[in-house]
Amino acid sequence: MQEEGLRRQIMGVITHVLIDEATDTNIRMALLRHLGENPGSPEQALLAHLRGCRGQGTGRAEGPAAAGPS
């Protein structure tokens, strides 16, 4: 049942983001959309959301994938 504990923790994080007044409306809507696309799998919804947000704040992707082929 370790998986259920993880899901509860992730839902706690998601809930906090959704109810925080400082959360941008576009972020809130995107996260809700990902939750709808991944029913019963909040971990997949959060992962999809984070992947979608990656690089949007700077206008470019960050991390190893952004560096291009080595």
N, C-alpha and C. Protein backbone atom coordinates (compact mmCIF):
# COMPACT_ATOMS: atom_id res chain seq x y z
N MET A 1 0.80 -1.21 0.00
CA MET A 1 0.00 0.00 0.00
C MET A 1 0.84 1.27 0.00
N GLN A 2 2.13 1.14 -0.24
CA GLN A 2 3.02 2.29 -0.32
C GLN A 2 2.59 3.22 -1.46
N GLU A 3 2.09 2.62 -2.54
CA GLU A 3 1.63 3.40 -3.69
C GLU A 3 0.47 4.32 -3.31
N GLU A 4 -0.45 3.83 -2.48
CA GLU A 4 -1.58 4.66 -2.05
C GLU A 4 -1.10 5.83 -1.19
N GLY A 5 -0.10 5.60 -0.35
CA GLY A 5 0.45 6.68 0.45
C GLY A 5 1.08 7.76 -0.43
N LEU A 6 1.76 7.33 -1.46
CA LEU A 6 2.36 8.27 -2.40
C LEU A 6 1.28 9.06 -3.13
N ARG A 7 0.23 8.38 -3.55
CA ARG A 7 -0.87 9.08 -4.23
C ARG A 7 -1.51 10.12 -3.33
N ARG A 8 -1.67 9.78 -2.05
CA ARG A 8 -2.25 10.74 -1.10
C ARG A 8 -1.35 11.96 -0.96
N GLN A 9 -0.05 11.74 -0.88
CA GLN A 9 0.89 12.85 -0.76
C GLN A 9 0.86 13.74 -2.00
N ILE A 10 0.82 13.11 -3.17
CA ILE A 10 0.78 13.87 -4.42
C ILE A 10 -0.52 14.66 -4.52
N MET A 11 -1.63 14.06 -4.13
CA MET A 11 -2.90 14.78 -4.14
C MET A 11 -2.86 15.95 -3.16
N GLY A 12 -2.13 15.80 -2.06
CA GLY A 12 -1.97 16.90 -1.12
C GLY A 12 -1.24 18.07 -1.76
N VAL A 13 -0.18 17.76 -2.50
CA VAL A 13 0.57 18.79 -3.22
C VAL A 13 -0.31 19.46 -4.27
N ILE A 14 -1.00 18.65 -5.05
CA ILE A 14 -1.88 19.18 -6.10
C ILE A 14 -2.97 20.06 -5.50
N THR A 15 -3.58 19.60 -4.42
CA THR A 15 -4.63 20.37 -3.76
C THR A 15 -4.09 21.70 -3.28
N HIS A 16 -2.91 21.68 -2.70
CA HIS A 16 -2.30 22.92 -2.21
C HIS A 16 -2.10 23.92 -3.36
N VAL A 17 -1.60 23.43 -4.48
CA VAL A 17 -1.39 24.30 -5.64
C VAL A 17 -2.72 24.85 -6.14
N LEU A 18 -3.73 24.01 -6.21
CA LEU A 18 -5.03 24.44 -6.73
C LEU A 18 -5.73 25.46 -5.84
N ILE A 19 -5.58 25.35 -4.52
CA ILE A 19 -6.29 26.27 -3.63
C ILE A 19 -5.48 27.51 -3.28
N ASP A 20 -4.21 27.51 -3.60
CA ASP A 20 -3.36 28.67 -3.30
C ASP A 20 -3.78 29.85 -4.18
N GLU A 21 -4.13 30.95 -3.55
CA GLU A 21 -4.59 32.13 -4.28
C GLU A 21 -3.51 32.69 -5.19
N ALA A 22 -2.25 32.40 -4.90
CA ALA A 22 -1.15 32.91 -5.72
C ALA A 22 -0.94 32.12 -7.00
N THR A 23 -1.62 30.98 -7.12
CA THR A 23 -1.47 30.14 -8.31
C THR A 23 -2.14 30.82 -9.50
N ASP A 24 -1.39 30.96 -10.57
CA ASP A 24 -1.90 31.55 -11.80
C ASP A 24 -3.07 30.71 -12.33
N THR A 25 -4.07 31.38 -12.86
CA THR A 25 -5.25 30.70 -13.38
C THR A 25 -4.89 29.70 -14.48
N ASN A 26 -3.96 30.06 -15.35
CA ASN A 26 -3.55 29.15 -16.43
C ASN A 26 -2.90 27.89 -15.87
N ILE A 27 -2.11 28.04 -14.82
CA ILE A 27 -1.48 26.88 -14.17
C ILE A 27 -2.56 26.00 -13.56
N ARG A 28 -3.50 26.62 -12.87
CA ARG A 28 -4.59 25.87 -12.22
C ARG A 28 -5.39 25.09 -13.27
N MET A 29 -5.73 25.74 -14.37
CA MET A 29 -6.53 25.09 -15.40
C MET A 29 -5.76 23.94 -16.06
N ALA A 30 -4.47 24.15 -16.32
CA ALA A 30 -3.66 23.10 -16.92
C ALA A 30 -3.56 21.88 -15.99
N LEU A 31 -3.36 22.15 -14.71
CA LEU A 31 -3.27 21.04 -13.75
C LEU A 31 -4.59 20.29 -13.67
N LEU A 32 -5.69 21.01 -13.65
CA LEU A 32 -7.00 20.35 -13.64
C LEU A 32 -7.22 19.52 -14.90
N ARG A 33 -6.77 20.04 -16.04
CA ARG A 33 -6.89 19.29 -17.30
C ARG A 33 -6.11 17.99 -17.22
N HIS A 34 -4.89 18.06 -16.68
CA HIS A 34 -4.08 16.85 -16.56
C HIS A 34 -4.71 15.85 -15.60
N LEU A 35 -5.33 16.35 -14.54
CA LEU A 35 -6.03 15.44 -13.62
C LEU A 35 -7.17 14.74 -14.33
N GLY A 36 -7.91 15.48 -15.16
CA GLY A 36 -9.01 14.89 -15.92
C GLY A 36 -8.54 13.86 -16.95
N GLU A 37 -7.36 14.09 -17.49
CA GLU A 37 -6.80 13.17 -18.49
C GLU A 37 -6.19 11.93 -17.85
N ASN A 38 -5.95 11.96 -16.54
CA ASN A 38 -5.32 10.85 -15.83
C ASN A 38 -6.12 10.47 -14.59
N PRO A 39 -7.39 10.05 -14.78
CA PRO A 39 -8.23 9.74 -13.62
C PRO A 39 -7.62 8.61 -12.78
N GLY A 40 -7.59 8.83 -11.47
CA GLY A 40 -7.06 7.81 -10.56
C GLY A 40 -5.55 7.73 -10.53
N SER A 41 -4.87 8.60 -11.28
CA SER A 41 -3.41 8.58 -11.33
C SER A 41 -2.86 10.00 -11.15
N PRO A 42 -2.98 10.54 -9.95
CA PRO A 42 -2.50 11.91 -9.75
C PRO A 42 -1.01 12.06 -10.00
N GLU A 43 -0.25 10.99 -9.79
CA GLU A 43 1.19 11.05 -10.06
C GLU A 43 1.47 11.27 -11.54
N GLN A 44 0.67 10.63 -12.40
CA GLN A 44 0.82 10.82 -13.84
C GLN A 44 0.36 12.22 -14.26
N ALA A 45 -0.69 12.69 -13.61
CA ALA A 45 -1.19 14.04 -13.90
C ALA A 45 -0.15 15.09 -13.53
N LEU A 46 0.46 14.94 -12.36
CA LEU A 46 1.47 15.90 -11.93
C LEU A 46 2.69 15.84 -12.83
N LEU A 47 3.10 14.65 -13.21
CA LEU A 47 4.25 14.50 -14.11
C LEU A 47 3.97 15.16 -15.46
N ALA A 48 2.79 14.92 -16.01
CA ALA A 48 2.42 15.53 -17.29
C ALA A 48 2.38 17.05 -17.16
N HIS A 49 1.87 17.53 -16.05
CA HIS A 49 1.80 18.97 -15.82
C HIS A 49 3.20 19.58 -15.74
N LEU A 50 4.08 18.95 -14.98
CA LEU A 50 5.44 19.46 -14.85
C LEU A 50 6.18 19.43 -16.18
N ARG A 51 5.97 18.40 -16.95
CA ARG A 51 6.60 18.34 -18.28
C ARG A 51 6.09 19.47 -19.16
N GLY A 52 4.80 19.78 -19.06
CA GLY A 52 4.22 20.84 -19.85
C GLY A 52 4.70 22.22 -19.43
N CYS A 53 5.01 22.37 -18.14
CA CYS A 53 5.47 23.66 -17.62
C CYS A 53 6.96 23.87 -17.86
N ARG A 54 7.67 22.83 -18.10
CA ARG A 54 9.12 22.90 -18.21
C ARG A 54 9.54 23.91 -19.27
N GLY A 55 10.28 24.87 -18.85
CA GLY A 55 10.81 25.85 -19.78
C GLY A 55 9.88 26.99 -20.11
N GLN A 56 8.62 26.92 -19.72
CA GLN A 56 7.68 27.99 -20.06
C GLN A 56 8.02 29.29 -19.34
N GLY A 57 8.57 29.19 -18.15
CA GLY A 57 8.90 30.40 -17.40
C GLY A 57 10.04 31.19 -18.02
N THR A 58 10.94 30.52 -18.73
CA THR A 58 12.08 31.21 -19.31
C THR A 58 11.99 31.33 -20.81
N GLY A 59 10.99 30.68 -21.39
CA GLY A 59 10.86 30.72 -22.83
C GLY A 59 11.75 29.70 -23.54
N ARG A 60 12.42 28.87 -22.74
CA ARG A 60 13.27 27.83 -23.32
C ARG A 60 13.27 26.62 -22.41
N ALA A 61 13.57 25.47 -22.98
CA ALA A 61 13.66 24.25 -22.18
C ALA A 61 14.94 24.28 -21.37
N GLU A 62 14.91 23.65 -20.20
CA GLU A 62 16.08 23.58 -19.37
C GLU A 62 16.44 22.13 -19.12
N GLY A 63 17.64 21.91 -18.68
CA GLY A 63 18.07 20.57 -18.33
C GLY A 63 18.85 19.93 -19.44
N PRO A 64 19.21 18.64 -19.27
CA PRO A 64 20.06 17.94 -20.22
C PRO A 64 19.49 17.88 -21.63
N ALA A 65 18.18 17.74 -21.76
CA ALA A 65 17.58 17.64 -23.09
C ALA A 65 17.74 18.92 -23.87
N ALA A 66 17.81 20.06 -23.18
CA ALA A 66 17.92 21.35 -23.84
C ALA A 66 19.33 21.58 -24.39
N ALA A 67 20.29 20.86 -23.87
CA ALA A 67 21.67 21.05 -24.30
C ALA A 67 21.92 20.51 -25.69
N GLY A 68 21.04 19.65 -26.15
CA GLY A 68 21.19 19.08 -27.49
C GLY A 68 22.08 17.86 -27.46
N PRO A 69 22.34 17.30 -28.65
CA PRO A 69 23.16 16.08 -28.70
C PRO A 69 24.58 16.36 -28.27
N SER A 70 25.19 15.37 -27.62
CA SER A 70 26.57 15.56 -27.20
C SER A 70 27.54 14.88 -28.13
